[in-house]
PDB file of N, CA and C in Angstrom:
ATOM      1  N   UNK A   1     154.831  68.421 191.969  1.00  0.00           N
ATOM      2  CA  UNK A   1     155.220  67.471 190.966  1.00  0.00           C
ATOM      3  C   UNK A   1     156.370  67.921 190.186  1.00  0.00           C
ATOM      4  N   UNK A   2     156.627  69.136 190.060  1.00  0.00           N
ATOM      5  CA  UNK A   2     158.006  69.456 189.355  1.00  0.00           C
ATOM      6  C   UNK A   2     159.177  69.187 189.936  1.00  0.00           C
ATOM      7  N   UNK A   3     159.227  69.117 191.240  1.00  0.00           N
ATOM      8  CA  UNK A   3     160.409  68.980 192.060  1.00  0.00           C
ATOM      9  C   UNK A   3     160.453  67.477 192.572  1.00  0.00           C
ATOM     10  N   UNK A   4     159.503  66.588 192.013  1.00  0.00           N
ATOM     11  CA  UNK A   4     159.552  65.241 192.457  1.00  0.00           C
ATOM     12  C   UNK A   4     160.749  64.484 192.075  1.00  0.00           C
ATOM     13  N   UNK A   5     161.293  63.765 192.929  1.00  0.00           N
ATOM     14  CA  UNK A   5     162.611  62.945 192.408  1.00  0.00           C
ATOM     15  C   UNK A   5     162.170  61.983 191.356  1.00  0.00           C
ATOM     16  N   UNK A   6     161.062  61.551 191.115  1.00  0.00           N
ATOM     17  CA  UNK A   6     160.596  60.654 190.298  1.00  0.00           C
ATOM     18  C   UNK A   6     160.315  61.265 188.963  1.00  0.00           C
ATOM     19  N   UNK A   7     161.074  60.696 187.846  1.00  0.00           N
ATOM     20  CA  UNK A   7     161.110  61.327 186.549  1.00  0.00           C
ATOM     21  C   UNK A   7     159.668  61.063 185.905  1.00  0.00           C
ATOM     22  N   UNK A   8     159.146  60.127 186.300  1.00  0.00           N
ATOM     23  CA  UNK A   8     157.731  59.734 185.757  1.00  0.00           C
ATOM     24  C   UNK A   8     156.676  60.868 186.125  1.00  0.00           C
ATOM     25  N   UNK A   9     156.877  61.030 187.486  1.00  0.00           N
ATOM     26  CA  UNK A   9     155.946  62.154 187.972  1.00  0.00           C
ATOM     27  C   UNK A   9     156.176  63.497 187.345  1.00  0.00           C
ATOM     28  N   UNK A  10     157.391  63.938 187.177  1.00  0.00           N
ATOM     29  CA  UNK A  10     157.804  65.117 186.281  1.00  0.00           C
ATOM     30  C   UNK A  10     157.258  65.130 184.869  1.00  0.00           C
ATOM     31  N   UNK A  11     157.363  63.886 184.299  1.00  0.00           N
ATOM     32  CA  UNK A  11     156.985  63.745 182.951  1.00  0.00           C
ATOM     33  C   UNK A  11     155.434  63.713 182.714  1.00  0.00           C
ATOM     34  N   UNK A  12     154.742  63.251 183.674  1.00  0.00           N
ATOM     35  CA  UNK A  12     153.243  63.339 183.697  1.00  0.00           C
ATOM     36  C   UNK A  12     152.879  64.774 184.024  1.00  0.00           C
ATOM     37  N   UNK A  13     153.630  65.446 184.884  1.00  0.00           N
ATOM     38  CA  UNK A  13     153.243  67.022 185.119  1.00  0.00           C
ATOM     39  C   UNK A  13     153.451  67.745 183.814  1.00  0.00           C
ATOM     40  N   UNK A  14     154.534  67.544 183.076  1.00  0.00           N
ATOM     41  CA  UNK A  14     154.717  68.250 181.840  1.00  0.00           C
ATOM     42  C   UNK A  14     153.770  68.021 180.802  1.00  0.00           C
ATOM     43  N   UNK A  15     153.405  66.773 180.801  1.00  0.00           N
ATOM     44  CA  UNK A  15     152.381  66.341 179.924  1.00  0.00           C
ATOM     45  C   UNK A  15     150.936  67.089 180.339  1.00  0.00           C
ATOM     46  N   UNK A  16     150.738  67.178 181.423  1.00  0.00           N
ATOM     47  CA  UNK A  16     149.610  67.646 181.920  1.00  0.00           C
ATOM     48  C   UNK A  16     149.396  69.253 181.590  1.00  0.00           C
ATOM     49  N   UNK A  17     150.622  70.015 181.278  1.00  0.00           N
ATOM     50  CA  UNK A  17     150.542  71.195 181.027  1.00  0.00           C
ATOM     51  C   UNK A  17     150.024  71.502 179.578  1.00  0.00           C
ATOM     52  N   UNK A  18     149.886  70.542 178.723  1.00  0.00           N
ATOM     53  CA  UNK A  18     149.355  70.600 177.472  1.00  0.00           C
ATOM     54  C   UNK A  18     148.024  70.968 177.455  1.00  0.00           C
ATOM     55  N   UNK A  19     147.154  70.772 178.533  1.00  0.00           N
ATOM     56  CA  UNK A  19     145.695  71.052 178.701  1.00  0.00           C
ATOM     57  C   UNK A  19     145.749  72.470 179.271  1.00  0.00           C
ATOM     58  N   UNK A  20     145.059  73.297 178.525  1.00  0.00           N
ATOM     59  CA  UNK A  20     144.838  74.706 178.971  1.00  0.00           C
ATOM     60  C   UNK A  20     144.285  74.704 180.317  1.00  0.00           C
ATOM     61  N   UNK A  21     143.449  73.952 180.955  1.00  0.00           N
ATOM     62  CA  UNK A  21     142.913  73.999 182.221  1.00  0.00           C
ATOM     63  C   UNK A  21     143.966  73.844 183.364  1.00  0.00           C
ATOM     64  N   UNK A  22     145.095  73.288 182.919  1.00  0.00           N
ATOM     65  CA  UNK A  22     146.168  72.980 183.765  1.00  0.00           C
ATOM     66  C   UNK A  22     147.224  74.050 183.868  1.00  0.00           C
ATOM     67  N   UNK A  23     147.014  75.138 183.247  1.00  0.00           N
ATOM     68  CA  UNK A  23     147.838  76.332 182.991  1.00  0.00           C
ATOM     69  C   UNK A  23     147.082  77.632 183.388  1.00  0.00           C
ATOM     70  N   UNK A  24     145.957  77.418 184.023  1.00  0.00           N
ATOM     71  CA  UNK A  24     145.158  78.524 184.574  1.00  0.00           C
ATOM     72  C   UNK A  24     145.856  79.634 185.582  1.00  0.00           C
ATOM     73  N   UNK A  25     146.634  79.005 186.412  1.00  0.00           N
ATOM     74  CA  UNK A  25     147.363  79.712 187.466  1.00  0.00           C
ATOM     75  C   UNK A  25     148.807  79.873 186.963  1.00  0.00           C
ATOM     76  N   UNK A  26     148.821  80.974 186.013  1.00  0.00           N
ATOM     77  CA  UNK A  26     150.264  81.027 185.327  1.00  0.00           C
ATOM     78  C   UNK A  26     151.319  81.301 186.232  1.00  0.00           C
ATOM     79  N   UNK A  27     151.341  82.098 187.445  1.00  0.00           N
ATOM     80  CA  UNK A  27     152.465  82.190 188.329  1.00  0.00           C
ATOM     81  C   UNK A  27     152.885  80.785 188.815  1.00  0.00           C
ATOM     82  N   UNK A  28     151.923  79.985 188.943  1.00  0.00           N
ATOM     83  CA  UNK A  28     152.230  78.614 189.382  1.00  0.00           C
ATOM     84  C   UNK A  28     152.996  77.819 188.527  1.00  0.00           C
ATOM     85  N   UNK A  29     152.480  77.980 187.300  1.00  0.00           N
ATOM     86  CA  UNK A  29     153.108  77.154 186.220  1.00  0.00           C
ATOM     87  C   UNK A  29     154.425  77.684 185.963  1.00  0.00           C
ATOM     88  N   UNK A  30     154.642  78.857 185.867  1.00  0.00           N
ATOM     89  CA  UNK A  30     155.961  79.433 185.850  1.00  0.00           C
ATOM     90  C   UNK A  30     156.901  78.981 186.807  1.00  0.00           C
ATOM     91  N   UNK A  31     156.576  79.002 187.978  1.00  0.00           N
ATOM     92  CA  UNK A  31     157.465  78.511 189.060  1.00  0.00           C
ATOM     93  C   UNK A  31     157.714  77.022 188.817  1.00  0.00           C
ATOM     94  N   UNK A  32     156.732  76.259 188.440  1.00  0.00           N
ATOM     95  CA  UNK A  32     156.932  74.854 188.209  1.00  0.00           C
ATOM     96  C   UNK A  32     157.864  74.632 187.172  1.00  0.00           C
ATOM     97  N   UNK A  33     157.816  75.379 185.972  1.00  0.00           N
ATOM     98  CA  UNK A  33     158.565  75.185 184.908  1.00  0.00           C
ATOM     99  C   UNK A  33     160.035  75.537 185.373  1.00  0.00           C
ATOM    100  N   UNK A  34     160.042  76.725 186.188  1.00  0.00           N
ATOM    101  CA  UNK A  34     161.607  76.913 186.716  1.00  0.00           C
ATOM    102  C   UNK A  34     162.180  75.835 187.278  1.00  0.00           C
ATOM    103  N   UNK A  35     161.411  75.105 188.328  1.00  0.00           N
ATOM    104  CA  UNK A  35     162.043  73.840 188.959  1.00  0.00           C
ATOM    105  C   UNK A  35     162.183  72.739 188.100  1.00  0.00           C
ATOM    106  N   UNK A  36     161.398  72.592 187.231  1.00  0.00           N
ATOM    107  CA  UNK A  36     161.290  71.565 186.375  1.00  0.00           C
ATOM    108  C   UNK A  36     162.664  71.295 185.444  1.00  0.00           C
ATOM    109  N   UNK A  37     163.037  72.649 185.131  1.00  0.00           N
ATOM    110  CA  UNK A  37     164.205  72.970 184.135  1.00  0.00           C
ATOM    111  C   UNK A  37     165.358  73.251 184.940  1.00  0.00           C
ATOM    112  N   UNK A  38     165.467  73.129 186.372  1.00  0.00           N
ATOM    113  CA  UNK A  38     166.581  73.610 187.165  1.00  0.00           C
ATOM    114  C   UNK A  38     167.740  72.989 186.425  1.00  0.00           C
ATOM    115  N   UNK A  39     168.983  73.664 186.717  1.00  0.00           N
ATOM    116  CA  UNK A  39     170.307  73.098 186.186  1.00  0.00           C
ATOM    117  C   UNK A  39     170.523  71.728 186.758  1.00  0.00           C
ATOM    118  N   UNK A  40     170.142  71.491 187.955  1.00  0.00           N
ATOM    119  CA  UNK A  40     170.411  70.125 188.512  1.00  0.00           C
ATOM    120  C   UNK A  40     169.824  69.063 187.660  1.00  0.00           C
ATOM    121  N   UNK A  41     168.786  69.421 187.157  1.00  0.00           N
ATOM    122  CA  UNK A  41     167.966  68.396 186.273  1.00  0.00           C
ATOM    123  C   UNK A  41     168.021  68.596 184.823  1.00  0.00           C
ATOM    124  N   UNK A  42     169.038  69.448 184.374  1.00  0.00           N
ATOM    125  CA  UNK A  42     169.048  69.952 182.943  1.00  0.00           C
ATOM    126  C   UNK A  42     169.068  68.610 182.002  1.00  0.00           C
ATOM    127  N   UNK A  43     169.988  67.776 182.508  1.00  0.00           N
ATOM    128  CA  UNK A  43     170.198  66.672 181.602  1.00  0.00           C
ATOM    129  C   UNK A  43     168.891  65.745 181.438  1.00  0.00           C
ATOM    130  N   UNK A  44     167.994  65.599 182.541  1.00  0.00           N
ATOM    131  CA  UNK A  44     166.827  64.733 182.295  1.00  0.00           C
ATOM    132  C   UNK A  44     165.733  65.670 181.825  1.00  0.00           C
ATOM    133  N   UNK A  45     165.746  66.980 182.053  1.00  0.00           N
ATOM    134  CA  UNK A  45     164.598  67.848 181.378  1.00  0.00           C
ATOM    135  C   UNK A  45     164.737  68.173 180.189  1.00  0.00           C
ATOM    136  N   UNK A  46     165.751  67.992 179.454  1.00  0.00           N
ATOM    137  CA  UNK A  46     166.049  68.414 178.054  1.00  0.00           C
ATOM    138  C   UNK A  46     164.995  67.715 177.225  1.00  0.00           C
ATOM    139  N   UNK A  47     164.366  66.594 177.616  1.00  0.00           N
ATOM    140  CA  UNK A  47     163.310  65.955 176.729  1.00  0.00           C
ATOM    141  C   UNK A  47     162.002  66.874 176.584  1.00  0.00           C
ATOM    142  N   UNK A  48     161.868  67.925 177.476  1.00  0.00           N
ATOM    143  CA  UNK A  48     160.717  68.896 177.373  1.00  0.00           C
ATOM    144  C   UNK A  48     160.978  69.894 176.463  1.00  0.00           C
ATOM    145  N   UNK A  49     162.173  70.182 176.026  1.00  0.00           N
ATOM    146  CA  UNK A  49     162.555  71.474 175.312  1.00  0.00           C
ATOM    147  C   UNK A  49     161.719  71.527 173.975  1.00  0.00           C
ATOM    148  N   UNK A  50     161.900  70.582 173.161  1.00  0.00           N
ATOM    149  CA  UNK A  50     161.398  70.638 171.798  1.00  0.00           C
ATOM    150  C   UNK A  50     159.679  70.775 171.890  1.00  0.00           C
ATOM    151  N   UNK A  51     159.200  69.993 172.676  1.00  0.00           N
ATOM    152  CA  UNK A  51     157.682  70.163 172.879  1.00  0.00           C
ATOM    153  C   UNK A  51     157.417  71.483 173.493  1.00  0.00           C
ATOM    154  N   UNK A  52     158.071  71.833 174.451  1.00  0.00           N
ATOM    155  CA  UNK A  52     157.853  73.127 175.122  1.00  0.00           C
ATOM    156  C   UNK A  52     157.869  74.322 174.201  1.00  0.00           C
ATOM    157  N   UNK A  53     158.882  74.148 173.184  1.00  0.00           N
ATOM    158  CA  UNK A  53     159.011  75.371 172.183  1.00  0.00           C
ATOM    159  C   UNK A  53     157.929  75.292 171.481  1.00  0.00           C
ATOM    160  N   UNK A  54     157.389  74.144 170.955  1.00  0.00           N
ATOM    161  CA  UNK A  54     156.310  73.941 170.119  1.00  0.00           C
ATOM    162  C   UNK A  54     155.054  74.421 170.675  1.00  0.00           C
ATOM    163  N   UNK A  55     154.841  74.421 172.062  1.00  0.00           N
ATOM    164  CA  UNK A  55     153.616  74.822 172.712  1.00  0.00           C
ATOM    165  C   UNK A  55     153.611  76.235 172.847  1.00  0.00           C
ATOM    166  N   UNK A  56     154.502  77.086 172.275  1.00  0.00           N
ATOM    167  CA  UNK A  56     154.490  78.428 172.573  1.00  0.00           C
ATOM    168  C   UNK A  56     153.216  79.246 171.999  1.00  0.00           C
ATOM    169  N   UNK A  57     152.871  78.867 170.859  1.00  0.00           N
ATOM    170  CA  UNK A  57     151.809  79.508 170.084  1.00  0.00           C
ATOM    171  C   UNK A  57     150.569  79.212 170.816  1.00  0.00           C
ATOM    172  N   UNK A  58     150.338  77.825 171.349  1.00  0.00           N
ATOM    173  CA  UNK A  58     149.146  77.747 172.188  1.00  0.00           C
ATOM    174  C   UNK A  58     149.184  78.566 173.611  1.00  0.00           C
ATOM    175  N   UNK A  59     150.310  78.671 173.887  1.00  0.00           N
ATOM    176  CA  UNK A  59     150.513  79.477 175.221  1.00  0.00           C
ATOM    177  C   UNK A  59     150.158  81.002 175.044  1.00  0.00           C
ATOM    178  N   UNK A  60     150.664  81.472 173.898  1.00  0.00           N
ATOM    179  CA  UNK A  60     150.235  82.731 173.480  1.00  0.00           C
ATOM    180  C   UNK A  60     148.669  82.935 173.398  1.00  0.00           C
ATOM    181  N   UNK A  61     148.151  82.114 172.698  1.00  0.00           N
ATOM    182  CA  UNK A  61     146.643  82.159 172.446  1.00  0.00           C
ATOM    183  C   UNK A  61     145.802  81.981 173.661  1.00  0.00           C
ATOM    184  N   UNK A  62     146.211  81.210 174.579  1.00  0.00           N
ATOM    185  CA  UNK A  62     145.400  80.847 175.690  1.00  0.00           C
ATOM    186  C   UNK A  62     145.687  81.651 176.971  1.00  0.00           C
ATOM    187  N   UNK A  63     146.904  82.387 176.803  1.00  0.00           N
ATOM    188  CA  UNK A  63     147.339  82.871 178.164  1.00  0.00           C
ATOM    189  C   UNK A  63     147.531  84.384 178.145  1.00  0.00           C
ATOM    190  N   UNK A  64     148.022  84.839 179.198  1.00  0.00           N
ATOM    191  CA  UNK A  64     148.255  86.330 179.363  1.00  0.00           C
ATOM    192  C   UNK A  64     149.336  86.883 178.433  1.00  0.00           C
ATOM    193  N   UNK A  65     149.429  88.012 178.200  1.00  0.00           N
ATOM    194  CA  UNK A  65     150.337  88.535 177.194  1.00  0.00           C
ATOM    195  C   UNK A  65     151.652  88.311 177.535  1.00  0.00           C
ATOM    196  N   UNK A  66     152.137  88.237 178.804  1.00  0.00           N
ATOM    197  CA  UNK A  66     153.456  87.995 179.253  1.00  0.00           C
ATOM    198  C   UNK A  66     153.724  86.447 179.344  1.00  0.00           C
ATOM    199  N   UNK A  67     152.775  85.455 179.203  1.00  0.00           N
ATOM    200  CA  UNK A  67     153.000  84.146 179.493  1.00  0.00           C
ATOM    201  C   UNK A  67     153.935  83.508 178.475  1.00  0.00           C
ATOM    202  N   UNK A  68     153.966  83.688 177.265  1.00  0.00           N
ATOM    203  CA  UNK A  68     154.953  83.207 176.249  1.00  0.00           C
ATOM    204  C   UNK A  68     156.366  83.368 176.794  1.00  0.00           C
ATOM    205  N   UNK A  69     156.565  84.677 177.084  1.00  0.00           N
ATOM    206  CA  UNK A  69     157.993  85.104 177.380  1.00  0.00           C
ATOM    207  C   UNK A  69     158.379  84.292 178.700  1.00  0.00           C
ATOM    208  N   UNK A  70     157.546  84.375 179.645  1.00  0.00           N
ATOM    209  CA  UNK A  70     157.868  83.645 181.018  1.00  0.00           C
ATOM    210  C   UNK A  70     158.064  82.099 180.681  1.00  0.00           C
ATOM    211  N   UNK A  71     157.041  81.523 179.875  1.00  0.00           N
ATOM    212  CA  UNK A  71     157.209  80.095 179.680  1.00  0.00           C
ATOM    213  C   UNK A  71     158.561  79.853 178.989  1.00  0.00           C
ATOM    214  N   UNK A  72     158.882  80.640 178.032  1.00  0.00           N
ATOM    215  CA  UNK A  72     160.261  80.254 177.379  1.00  0.00           C
ATOM    216  C   UNK A  72     161.411  80.554 178.245  1.00  0.00           C
ATOM    217  N   UNK A  73     161.357  81.615 178.994  1.00  0.00           N
ATOM    218  CA  UNK A  73     162.542  81.900 180.116  1.00  0.00           C
ATOM    219  C   UNK A  73     162.755  80.707 180.923  1.00  0.00           C
ATOM    220  N   UNK A  74     161.533  80.210 181.746  1.00  0.00           N
ATOM    221  CA  UNK A  74     161.576  79.016 182.543  1.00  0.00           C
ATOM    222  C   UNK A  74     161.767  77.769 181.951  1.00  0.00           C
ATOM    223  N   UNK A  75     161.571  77.665 180.741  1.00  0.00           N
ATOM    224  CA  UNK A  75     161.879  76.304 179.947  1.00  0.00           C
ATOM    225  C   UNK A  75     163.341  76.216 179.767  1.00  0.00           C
ATOM    226  N   UNK A  76     163.944  77.367 179.261  1.00  0.00           N
ATOM    227  CA  UNK A  76     165.241  77.348 178.817  1.00  0.00           C
ATOM    228  C   UNK A  76     166.384  77.693 179.767  1.00  0.00           C
ATOM    229  N   UNK A  77     165.998  78.245 181.104  1.00  0.00           N
ATOM    230  CA  UNK A  77     166.940  78.851 181.720  1.00  0.00           C
ATOM    231  C   UNK A  77     168.023  77.965 182.249  1.00  0.00           C
ATOM    232  N   UNK A  78     167.753  76.721 182.594  1.00  0.00           N
ATOM    233  CA  UNK A  78     168.672  75.885 183.179  1.00  0.00           C
ATOM    234  C   UNK A  78     169.637  75.110 182.297  1.00  0.00           C
ATOM    235  N   UNK A  79     169.335  75.194 181.133  1.00  0.00           N
ATOM    236  CA  UNK A  79     170.086  74.447 180.051  1.00  0.00           C
ATOM    237  C   UNK A  79     171.245  75.202 179.496  1.00  0.00           C
ATOM    238  N   UNK A  80     172.484  75.062 180.292  1.00  0.00           N
ATOM    239  CA  UNK A  80     173.507  75.933 179.774  1.00  0.00           C
ATOM    240  C   UNK A  80     174.705  75.229 179.076  1.00  0.00           C
ATOM    241  N   UNK A  81     174.659  74.078 178.962  1.00  0.00           N
ATOM    242  CA  UNK A  81     175.732  73.337 178.269  1.00  0.00           C
ATOM    243  C   UNK A  81     175.723  73.679 176.764  1.00  0.00           C
ATOM    244  N   UNK A  82     177.053  73.826 176.232  1.00  0.00           N
ATOM    245  CA  UNK A  82     177.085  74.257 174.805  1.00  0.00           C
ATOM    246  C   UNK A  82     176.333  73.441 173.970  1.00  0.00           C
ATOM    247  N   UNK A  83     176.284  72.109 174.290  1.00  0.00           N
ATOM    248  CA  UNK A  83     175.481  71.114 173.398  1.00  0.00           C
ATOM    249  C   UNK A  83     173.897  71.618 173.430  1.00  0.00           C
ATOM    250  N   UNK A  84     173.451  71.652 174.682  1.00  0.00           N
ATOM    251  CA  UNK A  84     172.074  72.034 174.894  1.00  0.00           C
ATOM    252  C   UNK A  84     171.630  73.260 174.106  1.00  0.00           C
ATOM    253  N   UNK A  85     172.574  74.204 174.255  1.00  0.00           N
ATOM    254  CA  UNK A  85     172.368  75.536 173.766  1.00  0.00           C
ATOM    255  C   UNK A  85     172.279  75.416 172.096  1.00  0.00           C
ATOM    256  N   UNK A  86     173.053  74.829 171.582  1.00  0.00           N
ATOM    257  CA  UNK A  86     172.957  74.424 170.174  1.00  0.00           C
ATOM    258  C   UNK A  86     171.689  73.770 169.707  1.00  0.00           C
ATOM    259  N   UNK A  87     171.413  72.750 170.541  1.00  0.00           N
ATOM    260  CA  UNK A  87     170.160  71.938 170.255  1.00  0.00           C
ATOM    261  C   UNK A  87     169.000  72.876 170.327  1.00  0.00           C
ATOM    262  N   UNK A  88     168.828  73.512 171.418  1.00  0.00           N
ATOM    263  CA  UNK A  88     167.780  74.483 171.570  1.00  0.00           C
ATOM    264  C   UNK A  88     167.721  75.477 170.405  1.00  0.00           C
ATOM    265  N   UNK A  89     168.834  76.191 170.012  1.00  0.00           N
ATOM    266  CA  UNK A  89     168.718  77.020 169.074  1.00  0.00           C
ATOM    267  C   UNK A  89     168.128  76.527 167.603  1.00  0.00           C
ATOM    268  N   UNK A  90     168.619  75.179 167.436  1.00  0.00           N
ATOM    269  CA  UNK A  90     168.037  74.431 166.227  1.00  0.00           C
ATOM    270  C   UNK A  90     166.599  74.191 166.283  1.00  0.00           C
ATOM    271  N   UNK A  91     166.170  73.776 167.478  1.00  0.00           N
ATOM    272  CA  UNK A  91     164.660  73.509 167.817  1.00  0.00           C
ATOM    273  C   UNK A  91     163.931  74.781 167.354  1.00  0.00           C
ATOM    274  N   UNK A  92     164.407  75.934 168.086  1.00  0.00           N
ATOM    275  CA  UNK A  92     163.740  77.252 167.770  1.00  0.00           C
ATOM    276  C   UNK A  92     163.626  77.539 166.220  1.00  0.00           C
ATOM    277  N   UNK A  93     164.783  77.506 165.703  1.00  0.00           N
ATOM    278  CA  UNK A  93     164.746  77.912 164.177  1.00  0.00           C
ATOM    279  C   UNK A  93     163.938  76.900 163.421  1.00  0.00           C
ATOM    280  N   UNK A  94     163.761  75.776 163.797  1.00  0.00           N
ATOM    281  CA  UNK A  94     163.077  74.734 162.947  1.00  0.00           C
ATOM    282  C   UNK A  94     161.477  74.789 163.387  1.00  0.00           C
ATOM    283  N   UNK A  95     161.143  75.253 164.667  1.00  0.00           N
ATOM    284  CA  UNK A  95     159.835  75.299 165.112  1.00  0.00           C
ATOM    285  C   UNK A  95     158.730  75.710 164.230  1.00  0.00           C
ATOM    286  N   UNK A  96     157.698  75.121 164.048  1.00  0.00           N
ATOM    287  CA  UNK A  96     156.527  75.742 163.299  1.00  0.00           C
ATOM    288  C   UNK A  96     155.724  76.692 164.110  1.00  0.00           C
ATOM    289  N   UNK A  97     156.387  77.737 164.465  1.00  0.00           N
ATOM    290  CA  UNK A  97     155.558  78.832 165.143  1.00  0.00           C
ATOM    291  C   UNK A  97     156.079  80.189 164.496  1.00  0.00           C
ATOM    292  N   UNK A  98     155.289  81.307 164.921  1.00  0.00           N
ATOM    293  CA  UNK A  98     155.483  82.542 164.214  1.00  0.00           C
ATOM    294  C   UNK A  98     156.810  83.033 164.633  1.00  0.00           C
ATOM    295  N   UNK A  99     157.312  83.836 163.743  1.00  0.00           N
ATOM    296  CA  UNK A  99     158.720  84.517 163.978  1.00  0.00           C
ATOM    297  C   UNK A  99     158.700  85.351 165.322  1.00  0.00           C
ATOM    298  N   UNK A 100     157.601  85.945 165.807  1.00  0.00           N
ATOM    299  CA  UNK A 100     157.640  86.704 166.907  1.00  0.00           C
ATOM    300  C   UNK A 100     157.863  85.737 168.232  1.00  0.00           C
ATOM    301  N   UNK A 101     157.246  84.546 168.113  1.00  0.00           N
ATOM    302  CA  UNK A 101     157.715  83.739 169.243  1.00  0.00           C
ATOM    303  C   UNK A 101     159.117  82.999 169.135  1.00  0.00           C
ATOM    304  N   UNK A 102     159.360  82.890 167.909  1.00  0.00           N
ATOM    305  CA  UNK A 102     160.783  82.516 167.868  1.00  0.00           C
ATOM    306  C   UNK A 102     161.709  83.543 168.424  1.00  0.00           C
ATOM    307  N   UNK A 103     161.509  84.747 168.115  1.00  0.00           N
ATOM    308  CA  UNK A 103     162.183  85.668 168.718  1.00  0.00           C
ATOM    309  C   UNK A 103     162.290  85.829 170.318  1.00  0.00           C
ATOM    310  N   UNK A 104     161.113  85.505 170.807  1.00  0.00           N
ATOM    311  CA  UNK A 104     160.977  85.401 172.275  1.00  0.00           C
ATOM    312  C   UNK A 104     161.630  84.316 172.756  1.00  0.00           C
ATOM    313  N   UNK A 105     161.626  83.219 172.217  1.00  0.00           N
ATOM    314  CA  UNK A 105     162.414  81.970 172.516  1.00  0.00           C
ATOM    315  C   UNK A 105     163.874  82.338 172.500  1.00  0.00           C
ATOM    316  N   UNK A 106     164.355  83.003 171.350  1.00  0.00           N
ATOM    317  CA  UNK A 106     165.800  83.206 171.203  1.00  0.00           C
ATOM    318  C   UNK A 106     166.223  84.146 172.313  1.00  0.00           C
ATOM    319  N   UNK A 107     165.423  85.179 172.556  1.00  0.00           N
ATOM    320  CA  UNK A 107     165.905  86.157 173.580  1.00  0.00           C
ATOM    321  C   UNK A 107     165.855  85.307 174.934  1.00  0.00           C
ATOM    322  N   UNK A 108     164.928  84.335 175.221  1.00  0.00           N
ATOM    323  CA  UNK A 108     165.065  83.534 176.394  1.00  0.00           C
ATOM    324  C   UNK A 108     166.318  82.621 176.431  1.00  0.00           C
ATOM    325  N   UNK A 109     166.747  82.378 175.350  1.00  0.00           N
ATOM    326  CA  UNK A 109     167.934  81.519 175.168  1.00  0.00           C
ATOM    327  C   UNK A 109     169.336  82.409 175.507  1.00  0.00           C
ATOM    328  N   UNK A 110     169.139  83.808 175.544  1.00  0.00           N
ATOM    329  CA  UNK A 110     170.353  84.398 175.473  1.00  0.00           C
ATOM    330  C   UNK A 110     171.163  84.243 176.900  1.00  0.00           C
ATOM    331  N   UNK A 111     170.603  84.290 177.948  1.00  0.00           N
ATOM    332  CA  UNK A 111     171.511  83.943 179.230  1.00  0.00           C
ATOM    333  C   UNK A 111     172.019  82.627 179.232  1.00  0.00           C
ATOM    334  N   UNK A 112     171.235  81.554 178.926  1.00  0.00           N
ATOM    335  CA  UNK A 112     171.865  80.248 178.879  1.00  0.00           C
ATOM    336  C   UNK A 112     172.970  80.224 177.816  1.00  0.00           C
ATOM    337  N   UNK A 113     172.806  81.049 176.771  1.00  0.00           N
ATOM    338  CA  UNK A 113     173.942  80.870 175.605  1.00  0.00           C
ATOM    339  C   UNK A 113     175.135  81.574 176.425  1.00  0.00           C
ATOM    340  N   UNK A 114     174.905  82.674 177.008  1.00  0.00           N
ATOM    341  CA  UNK A 114     176.118  83.449 177.653  1.00  0.00           C
ATOM    342  C   UNK A 114     176.680  82.606 178.748  1.00  0.00           C
ATOM    343  N   UNK A 115     175.940  81.922 179.514  1.00  0.00           N
ATOM    344  CA  UNK A 115     176.426  80.917 180.569  1.00  0.00           C
ATOM    345  C   UNK A 115     177.286  79.861 180.009  1.00  0.00           C
ATOM    346  N   UNK A 116     176.816  79.316 178.756  1.00  0.00           N
ATOM    347  CA  UNK A 116     177.584  78.140 178.143  1.00  0.00           C
ATOM    348  C   UNK A 116     178.887  78.652 177.514  1.00  0.00           C
ATOM    349  N   UNK A 117     178.918  79.926 177.088  1.00  0.00           N
ATOM    350  CA  UNK A 117     180.206  80.542 176.662  1.00  0.00           C
ATOM    351  C   UNK A 117     181.176  80.688 177.724  1.00  0.00           C
ATOM    352  N   UNK A 118     180.798  80.978 179.012  1.00  0.00           N
ATOM    353  CA  UNK A 118     181.591  81.253 180.034  1.00  0.00           C
ATOM    354  C   UNK A 118     182.142  79.878 180.475  1.00  0.00           C
ATOM    355  N   UNK A 119     181.248  78.858 180.351  1.00  0.00           N
ATOM    356  CA  UNK A 119     181.749  77.602 180.900  1.00  0.00           C
ATOM    357  C   UNK A 119     182.727  76.849 180.034  1.00  0.00           C
ATOM    358  N   UNK A 120     182.964  77.236 178.819  1.00  0.00           N
ATOM    359  CA  UNK A 120     183.771  76.611 177.869  1.00  0.00           C
ATOM    360  C   UNK A 120     185.068  76.394 178.506  1.00  0.00           C
TER     361      UNK A 120
END
């Protein structure tokens, strides 16, 4: 579903990840998030950013120790425009999540931020 050409299918897939039972195979979820947020789809997948960031606390609570970092990296990696990086940075700073998770998200945003600076 993450690579479906149909936006509705991708939206339903992302929505399904809100349920813990749909995140039990974390490597599969990470791979799916990677493709869901691929640079080819960055414009249309930006709708997942705010909610994906806000899910970090639940991801940490219900998943493996490395899952929040992997989730953040795969959520953010394909969003490399200057506007997106600014928007994501604002989302992270305003998110109602612990500072440790904000730091993980900001760390995951580092490579997209660097890419956006190169693309200027």
